[in-house]
């Protein structure tokens, strides 16, 4: 009997870990050939964070605009919480961007990233 309970607990723990890893997954943003911007839409659960990654070159200027149905989603970079984002890329490679939903309900969002 204890083996069955232990097995059920183990299976539940594995399911929880798999769900948590999906929530922290990163979405790669790719620009269409000849384009310098991309738009991503989705749903963000209450209190959730979504991470994005994109390839950029040193010296490029990256800007982002985020809108959400509940008005509670924003970029979170350290202490910055805003719906506008801007940075100059310091080195070639991947750039990571995160958005958070500070609302008490899930919300739809639209994220537009541009790079010059």
N, C-alpha and C. Protein backbone atom coordinates (compact mmCIF):
# COMPACT_ATOMS: atom_id res chain seq x y z
N UNK A 1 0.82 -1.20 0.00
CA UNK A 1 0.00 0.00 0.00
C UNK A 1 0.86 1.26 0.00
N UNK A 2 1.91 1.29 0.82
CA UNK A 2 2.77 2.46 0.87
C UNK A 2 3.51 2.67 -0.45
N UNK A 3 3.82 1.57 -1.12
CA UNK A 3 4.49 1.69 -2.42
C UNK A 3 3.58 2.37 -3.44
N UNK A 4 2.28 2.04 -3.41
CA UNK A 4 1.33 2.67 -4.32
C UNK A 4 1.19 4.15 -4.03
N UNK A 5 1.14 4.52 -2.76
CA UNK A 5 1.04 5.93 -2.38
C UNK A 5 2.30 6.67 -2.81
N UNK A 6 3.46 6.06 -2.56
CA UNK A 6 4.73 6.68 -2.96
C UNK A 6 4.81 6.87 -4.46
N UNK A 7 4.34 5.87 -5.22
CA UNK A 7 4.33 5.97 -6.67
C UNK A 7 3.42 7.09 -7.14
N UNK A 8 2.24 7.21 -6.54
CA UNK A 8 1.31 8.28 -6.91
C UNK A 8 1.89 9.65 -6.62
N UNK A 9 2.55 9.78 -5.49
CA UNK A 9 3.18 11.06 -5.13
C UNK A 9 4.30 11.39 -6.12
N UNK A 10 5.09 10.38 -6.48
CA UNK A 10 6.17 10.60 -7.45
C UNK A 10 5.63 11.04 -8.80
N UNK A 11 4.57 10.39 -9.26
CA UNK A 11 3.97 10.75 -10.55
C UNK A 11 3.42 12.17 -10.49
N UNK A 12 2.76 12.53 -9.38
CA UNK A 12 2.23 13.88 -9.24
C UNK A 12 3.36 14.91 -9.25
N UNK A 13 4.47 14.61 -8.59
CA UNK A 13 5.61 15.53 -8.57
C UNK A 13 6.19 15.72 -9.96
N UNK A 14 6.29 14.63 -10.73
CA UNK A 14 6.82 14.73 -12.10
C UNK A 14 5.90 15.57 -12.97
N UNK A 15 4.61 15.39 -12.84
CA UNK A 15 3.65 16.19 -13.61
C UNK A 15 3.79 17.66 -13.25
N UNK A 16 3.92 17.97 -11.97
CA UNK A 16 4.08 19.37 -11.54
C UNK A 16 5.36 19.98 -12.11
N UNK A 17 6.45 19.22 -12.09
CA UNK A 17 7.72 19.72 -12.63
C UNK A 17 7.62 19.97 -14.13
N UNK A 18 6.94 19.08 -14.84
CA UNK A 18 6.78 19.27 -16.27
C UNK A 18 5.93 20.50 -16.57
N UNK A 19 4.89 20.72 -15.80
CA UNK A 19 4.04 21.90 -15.99
C UNK A 19 4.82 23.17 -15.70
N UNK A 20 5.62 23.16 -14.63
CA UNK A 20 6.41 24.33 -14.27
C UNK A 20 7.45 24.64 -15.33
N UNK A 21 8.08 23.61 -15.91
CA UNK A 21 9.09 23.86 -16.94
C UNK A 21 8.45 24.46 -18.19
N UNK A 22 7.21 24.09 -18.49
CA UNK A 22 6.52 24.67 -19.64
C UNK A 22 6.23 26.14 -19.40
N UNK A 23 5.90 26.52 -18.17
CA UNK A 23 5.60 27.91 -17.86
C UNK A 23 6.83 28.79 -17.97
N UNK A 24 8.01 28.22 -17.72
CA UNK A 24 9.24 29.00 -17.77
C UNK A 24 9.95 28.86 -19.12
N UNK A 25 9.33 28.18 -20.06
CA UNK A 25 9.93 28.00 -21.38
C UNK A 25 10.10 29.34 -22.08
N UNK A 26 11.09 29.38 -22.93
CA UNK A 26 11.33 30.60 -23.70
C UNK A 26 10.80 30.43 -25.10
N UNK A 27 10.27 31.50 -25.64
CA UNK A 27 9.80 31.52 -27.01
C UNK A 27 10.81 32.28 -27.84
N UNK A 28 11.31 31.65 -28.89
CA UNK A 28 12.26 32.32 -29.77
C UNK A 28 11.50 33.18 -30.76
N UNK A 29 11.90 34.44 -30.85
CA UNK A 29 11.33 35.38 -31.81
C UNK A 29 12.26 35.42 -33.02
N UNK A 30 11.70 35.17 -34.17
CA UNK A 30 12.46 35.20 -35.42
C UNK A 30 11.85 36.27 -36.34
N UNK A 31 12.72 36.98 -37.01
CA UNK A 31 12.28 38.00 -37.94
C UNK A 31 12.21 37.39 -39.34
N UNK A 32 11.14 37.68 -40.05
CA UNK A 32 11.02 37.21 -41.43
C UNK A 32 12.12 37.86 -42.27
N UNK A 33 12.53 37.18 -43.31
CA UNK A 33 13.61 37.69 -44.18
C UNK A 33 13.26 39.10 -44.65
N UNK A 34 14.22 40.02 -44.47
CA UNK A 34 14.03 41.40 -44.90
C UNK A 34 13.23 42.26 -43.94
N UNK A 35 12.78 41.69 -42.82
CA UNK A 35 11.97 42.44 -41.85
C UNK A 35 12.81 42.75 -40.62
N UNK A 36 12.48 43.87 -39.95
CA UNK A 36 13.20 44.23 -38.73
C UNK A 36 12.27 44.27 -37.52
N UNK A 37 11.05 43.72 -37.68
CA UNK A 37 10.14 43.65 -36.53
C UNK A 37 9.33 42.36 -36.60
N UNK A 38 8.84 41.96 -35.44
CA UNK A 38 8.00 40.76 -35.34
C UNK A 38 6.98 40.99 -34.23
N UNK A 39 5.78 40.45 -34.43
CA UNK A 39 4.72 40.57 -33.43
C UNK A 39 4.33 39.17 -32.96
N UNK A 40 4.21 39.04 -31.64
CA UNK A 40 3.83 37.78 -31.01
C UNK A 40 2.60 38.04 -30.16
N UNK A 41 1.61 37.16 -30.23
CA UNK A 41 0.43 37.28 -29.39
C UNK A 41 0.27 35.99 -28.59
N UNK A 42 -0.42 36.11 -27.48
CA UNK A 42 -0.66 34.93 -26.65
C UNK A 42 -1.47 35.28 -25.43
N UNK A 43 -1.56 34.31 -24.54
CA UNK A 43 -2.26 34.48 -23.28
C UNK A 43 -1.26 34.28 -22.16
N UNK A 44 -1.33 35.13 -21.16
CA UNK A 44 -0.44 35.06 -20.01
C UNK A 44 -1.29 34.88 -18.76
N UNK A 45 -1.05 33.81 -18.02
CA UNK A 45 -1.83 33.51 -16.82
C UNK A 45 -1.62 34.58 -15.75
N UNK A 46 -2.53 34.65 -14.82
CA UNK A 46 -2.42 35.60 -13.70
C UNK A 46 -1.12 35.33 -12.94
N UNK A 47 -0.34 36.38 -12.72
CA UNK A 47 0.91 36.26 -11.96
C UNK A 47 2.03 35.56 -12.70
N UNK A 48 1.85 35.26 -13.98
CA UNK A 48 2.84 34.50 -14.74
C UNK A 48 3.86 35.39 -15.43
N UNK A 49 4.98 34.78 -15.78
CA UNK A 49 6.05 35.42 -16.53
C UNK A 49 6.26 34.62 -17.80
N UNK A 50 6.54 35.30 -18.90
CA UNK A 50 6.86 34.63 -20.16
C UNK A 50 8.16 35.22 -20.66
N UNK A 51 9.08 34.37 -21.08
CA UNK A 51 10.38 34.82 -21.57
C UNK A 51 10.49 34.62 -23.07
N UNK A 52 11.18 35.54 -23.70
CA UNK A 52 11.42 35.50 -25.13
C UNK A 52 12.91 35.64 -25.37
N UNK A 53 13.39 35.07 -26.44
CA UNK A 53 14.80 35.18 -26.80
C UNK A 53 14.87 35.47 -28.30
N UNK A 54 15.82 36.34 -28.68
CA UNK A 54 16.03 36.65 -30.08
C UNK A 54 17.50 36.90 -30.34
N UNK A 55 17.90 36.71 -31.56
CA UNK A 55 19.30 36.90 -31.96
C UNK A 55 19.48 38.36 -32.38
N UNK A 56 20.58 38.96 -31.91
CA UNK A 56 20.88 40.35 -32.26
C UNK A 56 22.39 40.53 -32.37
N UNK A 57 22.78 41.61 -33.00
CA UNK A 57 24.20 41.93 -33.18
C UNK A 57 24.58 43.14 -32.34
N UNK A 58 25.83 43.18 -31.96
CA UNK A 58 26.36 44.28 -31.16
C UNK A 58 26.06 45.61 -31.83
N UNK A 59 25.58 46.57 -31.04
CA UNK A 59 25.31 47.92 -31.54
C UNK A 59 23.89 48.12 -32.06
N UNK A 60 23.15 47.04 -32.28
CA UNK A 60 21.78 47.20 -32.74
C UNK A 60 20.90 47.74 -31.61
N UNK A 61 19.89 48.51 -32.01
CA UNK A 61 18.93 49.04 -31.04
C UNK A 61 17.68 48.17 -31.07
N UNK A 62 17.29 47.69 -29.92
CA UNK A 62 16.13 46.81 -29.78
C UNK A 62 15.04 47.58 -29.05
N UNK A 63 13.83 47.59 -29.60
CA UNK A 63 12.70 48.23 -28.93
C UNK A 63 11.54 47.26 -28.88
N UNK A 64 10.73 47.41 -27.87
CA UNK A 64 9.57 46.55 -27.72
C UNK A 64 8.38 47.33 -27.22
N UNK A 65 7.21 46.91 -27.65
CA UNK A 65 5.95 47.49 -27.18
C UNK A 65 5.05 46.34 -26.78
N UNK A 66 4.43 46.47 -25.62
CA UNK A 66 3.56 45.42 -25.10
C UNK A 66 2.21 46.01 -24.75
N UNK A 67 1.15 45.35 -25.20
CA UNK A 67 -0.19 45.74 -24.79
C UNK A 67 -0.90 44.48 -24.30
N UNK A 68 -1.83 44.68 -23.35
CA UNK A 68 -2.57 43.54 -22.81
C UNK A 68 -4.01 43.95 -22.57
N UNK A 69 -4.88 42.96 -22.60
CA UNK A 69 -6.31 43.22 -22.42
C UNK A 69 -6.61 43.78 -21.04
N UNK A 70 -5.88 43.35 -20.02
CA UNK A 70 -6.16 43.84 -18.66
C UNK A 70 -5.31 45.05 -18.27
N UNK A 71 -4.36 45.45 -19.13
CA UNK A 71 -3.51 46.60 -18.83
C UNK A 71 -2.54 46.36 -17.68
N UNK A 72 -2.37 45.11 -17.27
CA UNK A 72 -1.52 44.79 -16.11
C UNK A 72 -0.25 44.04 -16.50
N UNK A 73 -0.04 43.82 -17.79
CA UNK A 73 1.17 43.13 -18.23
C UNK A 73 2.22 44.16 -18.61
N UNK A 74 3.49 43.85 -18.30
CA UNK A 74 4.57 44.76 -18.63
C UNK A 74 5.89 44.00 -18.78
N UNK A 75 6.89 44.72 -19.32
CA UNK A 75 8.25 44.20 -19.36
C UNK A 75 8.79 44.31 -17.95
N UNK A 76 9.52 43.32 -17.53
CA UNK A 76 10.15 43.39 -16.22
C UNK A 76 11.63 43.10 -16.40
N UNK A 77 12.43 44.11 -16.26
CA UNK A 77 13.88 44.01 -16.33
C UNK A 77 14.43 44.66 -15.08
N UNK A 78 14.77 43.87 -14.07
CA UNK A 78 15.21 44.43 -12.80
C UNK A 78 14.05 45.16 -12.15
N UNK A 79 14.24 46.43 -11.84
CA UNK A 79 13.19 47.22 -11.19
C UNK A 79 12.29 47.94 -12.21
N UNK A 80 12.59 47.78 -13.50
CA UNK A 80 11.79 48.43 -14.55
C UNK A 80 10.50 47.66 -14.78
N UNK A 81 9.38 48.35 -14.76
CA UNK A 81 8.07 47.78 -15.09
C UNK A 81 7.40 48.78 -16.03
N UNK A 82 7.37 48.45 -17.33
CA UNK A 82 6.83 49.38 -18.31
C UNK A 82 6.31 48.61 -19.51
N UNK A 83 5.47 49.24 -20.31
CA UNK A 83 4.96 48.61 -21.53
C UNK A 83 5.83 48.95 -22.74
N UNK A 84 6.84 49.78 -22.55
CA UNK A 84 7.82 50.11 -23.59
C UNK A 84 9.18 49.61 -23.13
N UNK A 85 9.98 49.14 -24.08
CA UNK A 85 11.29 48.59 -23.75
C UNK A 85 12.28 49.04 -24.81
N UNK A 86 13.50 49.35 -24.39
CA UNK A 86 14.53 49.76 -25.33
C UNK A 86 15.90 49.40 -24.76
N UNK A 87 16.77 48.93 -25.64
CA UNK A 87 18.15 48.66 -25.22
C UNK A 87 19.05 48.65 -26.43
N UNK A 88 20.31 48.98 -26.23
CA UNK A 88 21.33 48.82 -27.25
C UNK A 88 22.04 47.52 -26.94
N UNK A 89 22.14 46.65 -27.91
CA UNK A 89 22.73 45.32 -27.72
C UNK A 89 24.24 45.47 -27.53
N UNK A 90 24.75 44.88 -26.46
CA UNK A 90 26.17 45.04 -26.11
C UNK A 90 27.09 44.04 -26.79
N UNK A 91 26.57 42.86 -27.14
CA UNK A 91 27.41 41.87 -27.82
C UNK A 91 26.55 40.97 -28.71
N UNK A 92 27.18 40.37 -29.69
CA UNK A 92 26.47 39.47 -30.59
C UNK A 92 25.91 38.28 -29.81
N UNK A 93 24.71 37.85 -30.18
CA UNK A 93 24.15 36.66 -29.55
C UNK A 93 22.70 36.84 -29.17
N UNK A 94 22.27 35.99 -28.26
CA UNK A 94 20.87 36.00 -27.83
C UNK A 94 20.59 37.11 -26.82
N UNK A 95 19.43 37.71 -26.97
CA UNK A 95 18.92 38.72 -26.04
C UNK A 95 17.66 38.14 -25.41
N UNK A 96 17.54 38.28 -24.11
CA UNK A 96 16.41 37.72 -23.37
C UNK A 96 15.51 38.85 -22.87
N UNK A 97 14.21 38.67 -23.06
CA UNK A 97 13.21 39.65 -22.64
C UNK A 97 12.13 38.90 -21.89
N UNK A 98 11.65 39.48 -20.79
CA UNK A 98 10.57 38.85 -20.02
C UNK A 98 9.40 39.81 -19.88
N UNK A 99 8.20 39.24 -19.89
CA UNK A 99 6.99 40.01 -19.60
C UNK A 99 6.26 39.34 -18.44
N UNK A 100 5.58 40.14 -17.65
CA UNK A 100 4.84 39.64 -16.49
C UNK A 100 3.41 40.13 -16.52
N UNK A 101 2.51 39.30 -15.99
CA UNK A 101 1.12 39.70 -15.81
C UNK A 101 0.91 39.93 -14.32
N UNK A 102 0.72 41.17 -13.93
CA UNK A 102 0.51 41.52 -12.52
C UNK A 102 -0.96 41.49 -12.14
N UNK A 103 -1.82 41.10 -13.07
CA UNK A 103 -3.25 41.06 -12.82
C UNK A 103 -3.67 39.78 -12.10
N UNK A 104 -4.91 39.78 -11.66
CA UNK A 104 -5.45 38.62 -10.93
C UNK A 104 -6.13 37.61 -11.86
N UNK A 105 -6.13 37.90 -13.17
CA UNK A 105 -6.71 36.99 -14.16
C UNK A 105 -5.79 36.89 -15.36
N UNK A 106 -5.96 35.81 -16.11
CA UNK A 106 -5.20 35.64 -17.35
C UNK A 106 -5.55 36.78 -18.31
N UNK A 107 -4.60 37.11 -19.18
CA UNK A 107 -4.84 38.18 -20.14
C UNK A 107 -4.22 37.85 -21.48
N UNK A 108 -4.81 38.35 -22.55
CA UNK A 108 -4.23 38.26 -23.89
C UNK A 108 -3.22 39.40 -24.02
N UNK A 109 -2.13 39.14 -24.72
CA UNK A 109 -1.13 40.17 -24.92
C UNK A 109 -0.68 40.20 -26.38
N UNK A 110 -0.16 41.36 -26.77
CA UNK A 110 0.46 41.54 -28.07
C UNK A 110 1.82 42.19 -27.84
N UNK A 111 2.86 41.53 -28.30
CA UNK A 111 4.23 41.99 -28.12
C UNK A 111 4.83 42.25 -29.50
N UNK A 112 5.33 43.46 -29.73
CA UNK A 112 6.01 43.79 -30.98
C UNK A 112 7.44 44.16 -30.66
N UNK A 113 8.37 43.47 -31.30
CA UNK A 113 9.80 43.71 -31.11
C UNK A 113 10.37 44.21 -32.42
N UNK A 114 11.16 45.29 -32.35
CA UNK A 114 11.84 45.83 -33.53
C UNK A 114 13.32 45.93 -33.25
N UNK A 115 14.10 45.76 -34.30
CA UNK A 115 15.56 45.86 -34.15
C UNK A 115 16.11 46.65 -35.33
N UNK A 116 16.97 47.59 -35.05
CA UNK A 116 17.57 48.45 -36.08
C UNK A 116 19.08 48.30 -36.06
